[in-house]
Amino acid sequence: MIAPKPAWASAMLDSDRFAFNVGVSSAPSKVRLTLVHVRREIQVSLDVAGAGTEEDLAACKADLCEQMAHRLIEVNHTEHGIGHFARLLRCEYANRLIQVISSYGRCLFYSKKNDQVAYLSYDHRVYLHDEGTGQRIEVRAGCPWPGFSHNGTIRDLVEQLRNYVMRAQRLDPVYIGIDKLHGPGNVWGYPDDQIRLCRQAAMRLPVLGAESSERAA
């Protein structure tokens, strides 16, 4: 179970946040495709054969859009709208948080048996692809989640990730290894050094908001 690549091309080329141009290349018999994020003024270019087919052009556009997505993610660019591209980008960040959580402590969201990490996908709705059962679960509050491998605490976290993808509501950092109300430790059961590293890595992603006074205190 490997997370498929997002359909960046359809999301970007249909968005007014991007400008796509075909121009002259310095290379012989080639044209230069350019994609610009209008607000950030981030630009990527690709030189392609000038006599290619429509299928070739579509493939080149897909490559160009994937380059743009990687460039935006490198600089932690965030989108706060509810358009298709904005939600795809936030879903990518949410999956990076899942990867972080699966890399420390008890490795939540990772199945050793299946050698798989859970991931989210967005197709007008948010779905969790469970690492243990392989089930594709629509993330909806108040509904059964058949095939979900975790408890209510992790379900709450996944619902928060869904809200981030759909509405750009950043997560409170307290959700990353919730501290026990009584006694030391956290409800995930991560050792102290591992939960500290996990939180540090998570805070480098734009998924999380400001630290709440509950933990800061």
Protein backbone atom coordinates (compact mmCIF):
# COMPACT_ATOMS: atom_id res chain seq x y z
CA MET A 1 0.00 0.00 0.00
CA ILE A 2 1.91 3.00 -1.30
CA ALA A 3 0.31 6.45 -1.33
CA PRO A 4 -0.38 7.41 -4.97
CA LYS A 5 0.96 10.66 -6.31
CA PRO A 6 -1.59 13.48 -6.07
CA ALA A 7 -3.14 14.67 -9.33
CA TRP A 8 -1.24 17.96 -9.19
CA ALA A 9 -1.72 18.84 -12.87
CA SER A 10 -5.51 19.00 -12.90
CA ALA A 11 -5.52 20.85 -9.56
CA MET A 12 -2.93 23.46 -10.59
CA LEU A 13 -3.84 24.08 -14.21
CA ASP A 14 -7.48 24.71 -13.26
CA SER A 15 -6.51 27.15 -10.51
CA ASP A 16 -6.12 30.91 -10.88
CA ARG A 17 -3.21 30.70 -8.43
CA PHE A 18 -0.99 29.44 -11.28
CA ALA A 19 -0.03 30.77 -14.70
CA PHE A 20 1.07 28.30 -17.39
CA ASN A 21 2.97 29.49 -20.47
CA VAL A 22 4.61 28.00 -23.55
CA GLY A 23 7.60 30.01 -24.78
CA VAL A 24 10.82 29.85 -26.74
CA SER A 25 13.65 27.68 -25.46
CA SER A 26 17.35 28.36 -25.92
CA ALA A 27 17.72 24.69 -26.88
CA PRO A 28 17.23 23.91 -30.58
CA SER A 29 13.90 22.37 -31.67
CA LYS A 30 12.45 22.76 -28.18
CA VAL A 31 9.91 24.91 -26.41
CA ARG A 32 9.96 26.00 -22.78
CA LEU A 33 7.01 25.23 -20.54
CA THR A 34 6.76 27.52 -17.52
CA LEU A 35 4.52 27.34 -14.49
CA VAL A 36 4.36 30.24 -12.02
CA HIS A 37 2.69 30.46 -8.63
CA VAL A 38 1.33 33.96 -9.06
CA ARG A 39 1.30 35.11 -5.45
CA ARG A 40 4.61 33.56 -4.36
CA GLU A 41 6.28 34.24 -7.73
CA ILE A 42 7.81 30.78 -7.62
CA GLN A 43 8.58 29.51 -11.11
CA VAL A 44 9.53 26.15 -12.61
CA SER A 45 10.41 25.47 -16.24
CA LEU A 46 10.85 22.49 -18.51
CA ASP A 47 12.30 22.31 -22.04
CA VAL A 48 10.50 19.81 -24.26
CA ALA A 49 10.52 18.78 -27.91
CA GLY A 50 8.55 21.27 -29.98
CA ALA A 51 6.83 18.67 -32.16
CA GLY A 52 5.47 16.40 -29.44
CA THR A 53 1.98 14.90 -29.36
CA GLU A 54 -0.86 16.03 -27.11
CA GLU A 55 -0.11 13.03 -24.91
CA ASP A 56 3.53 14.12 -24.66
CA LEU A 57 2.47 17.64 -23.71
CA ALA A 58 0.10 16.33 -21.05
CA ALA A 59 2.89 14.20 -19.55
CA CYS A 60 5.25 17.19 -19.54
CA LYS A 61 2.63 19.34 -17.84
CA ALA A 62 2.24 16.65 -15.16
CA ASP A 63 6.02 16.61 -14.60
CA LEU A 64 6.07 20.41 -14.39
CA CYS A 65 3.26 20.50 -11.84
CA GLU A 66 4.95 17.84 -9.73
CA GLN A 67 8.12 19.97 -9.73
CA MET A 68 6.08 22.94 -8.57
CA ALA A 69 4.48 20.92 -5.77
CA HIS A 70 7.90 19.80 -4.51
CA ARG A 71 9.21 23.37 -4.66
CA LEU A 72 6.27 24.69 -2.63
CA ILE A 73 6.60 21.91 -0.07
CA GLU A 74 10.34 22.62 0.28
CA VAL A 75 9.52 26.14 1.50
CA ASN A 76 6.56 24.97 3.64
CA HIS A 77 4.17 27.03 1.54
CA THR A 78 0.62 26.82 2.85
CA GLU A 79 -2.73 27.42 1.20
CA HIS A 80 -5.69 28.53 3.28
CA GLY A 81 -8.47 28.26 0.71
CA ILE A 82 -10.87 25.41 0.01
CA GLY A 83 -9.97 24.85 -3.62
CA HIS A 84 -8.86 21.47 -4.92
CA PHE A 85 -5.17 22.38 -5.06
CA ALA A 86 -5.16 23.84 -1.55
CA ARG A 87 -6.68 20.68 -0.12
CA LEU A 88 -4.32 18.39 -2.03
CA LEU A 89 -1.36 20.35 -0.70
CA ARG A 90 -2.61 20.21 2.88
CA CYS A 91 -3.25 16.47 2.48
CA GLU A 92 0.40 16.08 1.51
CA TYR A 93 1.49 17.85 4.70
CA ALA A 94 -0.93 15.73 6.75
CA ASN A 95 0.67 12.60 5.31
CA ARG A 96 4.10 13.91 6.24
CA LEU A 97 2.89 14.25 9.81
CA ILE A 98 1.65 10.66 9.73
CA GLN A 99 5.10 9.63 8.47
CA VAL A 100 6.70 11.48 11.39
CA ILE A 101 4.44 9.81 13.95
CA SER A 102 5.17 6.39 12.42
CA SER A 103 8.93 6.93 12.74
CA TYR A 104 9.22 7.17 16.53
CA GLY A 105 8.30 5.27 19.66
CA ARG A 106 5.65 2.60 19.09
CA CYS A 107 5.46 3.65 15.42
CA LEU A 108 1.74 4.40 15.34
CA PHE A 109 0.32 4.32 11.81
CA TYR A 110 2.93 1.73 10.79
CA SER A 111 2.19 -1.98 10.39
CA LYS A 112 5.28 -4.14 10.80
CA LYS A 113 3.32 -7.16 9.57
CA ASN A 114 2.37 -5.43 6.31
CA ASP A 115 5.38 -3.08 6.19
CA GLN A 116 2.96 -0.25 5.43
CA VAL A 117 2.32 3.26 6.70
CA ALA A 118 -1.20 4.66 6.73
CA TYR A 119 -1.96 7.66 4.55
CA LEU A 120 -4.75 10.08 3.71
CA SER A 121 -6.13 10.82 0.27
CA TYR A 122 -8.37 13.64 -0.89
CA ASP A 123 -11.01 13.29 -3.59
CA HIS A 124 -13.63 15.87 -2.57
CA ARG A 125 -13.67 13.92 0.71
CA VAL A 126 -10.87 12.75 2.96
CA TYR A 127 -10.09 9.04 3.23
CA LEU A 128 -7.75 7.14 5.54
CA HIS A 129 -6.00 4.13 4.05
CA ASP A 130 -5.44 1.96 7.11
CA GLU A 131 -2.00 0.38 7.42
CA GLY A 132 -3.25 -2.72 9.23
CA THR A 133 -6.38 -3.70 7.33
CA GLY A 134 -5.73 -1.97 4.02
CA GLN A 135 -9.25 -0.53 4.17
CA ARG A 136 -10.11 2.85 2.64
CA ILE A 137 -12.12 4.63 5.31
CA GLU A 138 -14.02 7.86 4.79
CA VAL A 139 -13.04 10.16 7.64
CA ARG A 140 -16.36 11.35 9.07
CA ALA A 141 -17.24 12.24 12.64
CA GLY A 142 -20.04 10.29 14.31
CA CYS A 143 -19.95 7.40 11.83
CA PRO A 144 -18.53 3.87 12.07
CA TRP A 145 -15.05 3.36 10.62
CA PRO A 146 -14.99 -0.29 9.53
CA GLY A 147 -11.42 -1.51 9.19
CA PHE A 148 -9.88 1.11 11.50
CA SER A 149 -6.94 -0.32 13.47
CA HIS A 150 -6.73 2.21 16.31
CA ASN A 151 -8.54 3.55 19.36
CA GLY A 152 -10.55 6.70 19.94
CA THR A 153 -7.54 8.88 20.70
CA ILE A 154 -6.02 8.19 17.28
CA ARG A 155 -9.41 8.56 15.64
CA ASP A 156 -9.64 12.05 17.18
CA LEU A 157 -6.23 12.86 15.68
CA VAL A 158 -7.31 11.63 12.23
CA GLU A 159 -10.47 13.74 12.44
CA GLN A 160 -8.31 16.76 13.26
CA LEU A 161 -6.20 16.00 10.19
CA ARG A 162 -9.36 15.84 8.14
CA ASN A 163 -10.34 19.31 9.38
CA TYR A 164 -6.89 20.56 8.44
CA VAL A 165 -7.19 19.20 4.91
CA MET A 166 -10.72 20.45 4.36
CA ARG A 167 -10.73 23.76 6.22
CA ALA A 168 -7.07 24.62 6.94
CA GLN A 169 -7.65 24.30 10.70
CA ARG A 170 -4.21 23.67 12.13
CA LEU A 171 -3.86 21.10 14.87
CA ASP A 172 -3.14 21.99 18.46
CA PRO A 173 0.28 20.44 19.24
CA VAL A 174 -1.21 18.77 22.33
CA TYR A 175 -2.60 16.12 19.97
CA ILE A 176 0.94 14.87 19.34
CA GLY A 177 1.34 12.35 22.14
CA ILE A 178 -1.29 13.68 24.54
CA ASP A 179 0.20 14.01 28.02
CA LYS A 180 -1.43 11.90 30.70
CA LEU A 181 -3.63 13.81 33.12
CA HIS A 182 -2.22 11.87 36.06
CA GLY A 183 1.39 10.85 36.25
CA PRO A 184 4.24 11.12 33.77
CA GLY A 185 4.21 10.03 30.15
CA ASN A 186 1.78 10.26 27.26
CA VAL A 187 -1.24 8.27 26.15
CA TRP A 188 0.58 6.98 23.05
CA GLY A 189 3.09 5.16 25.23
CA TYR A 190 6.08 6.74 23.48
CA PRO A 191 9.25 6.96 25.63
CA ASP A 192 10.10 10.50 26.74
CA ASP A 193 13.03 10.89 24.34
CA GLN A 194 11.00 9.54 21.42
CA ILE A 195 7.96 11.74 21.97
CA ARG A 196 10.25 14.75 22.28
CA LEU A 197 11.87 13.98 18.91
CA CYS A 198 8.47 13.27 17.37
CA ARG A 199 7.10 16.61 18.55
CA GLN A 200 10.15 18.48 17.32
CA ALA A 201 9.82 16.94 13.85
CA ALA A 202 6.06 17.56 13.79
CA MET A 203 6.49 21.23 14.65
CA ARG A 204 8.57 21.72 11.50
CA LEU A 205 5.45 21.01 9.43
CA PRO A 206 2.75 23.63 8.78
CA VAL A 207 0.06 21.23 10.03
CA LEU A 208 0.46 22.34 13.63
CA GLY A 209 -0.54 25.69 15.02
CA ALA A 210 0.72 27.58 18.03
CA GLU A 211 1.41 25.56 21.15
CA SER A 212 -1.49 25.71 23.55
CA SER A 213 -1.20 27.08 27.06
CA GLU A 214 -2.08 23.61 28.39
CA ARG A 215 1.31 22.13 27.43
CA ALA A 216 3.23 25.40 27.56
CA ALA A 217 2.28 25.77 31.19
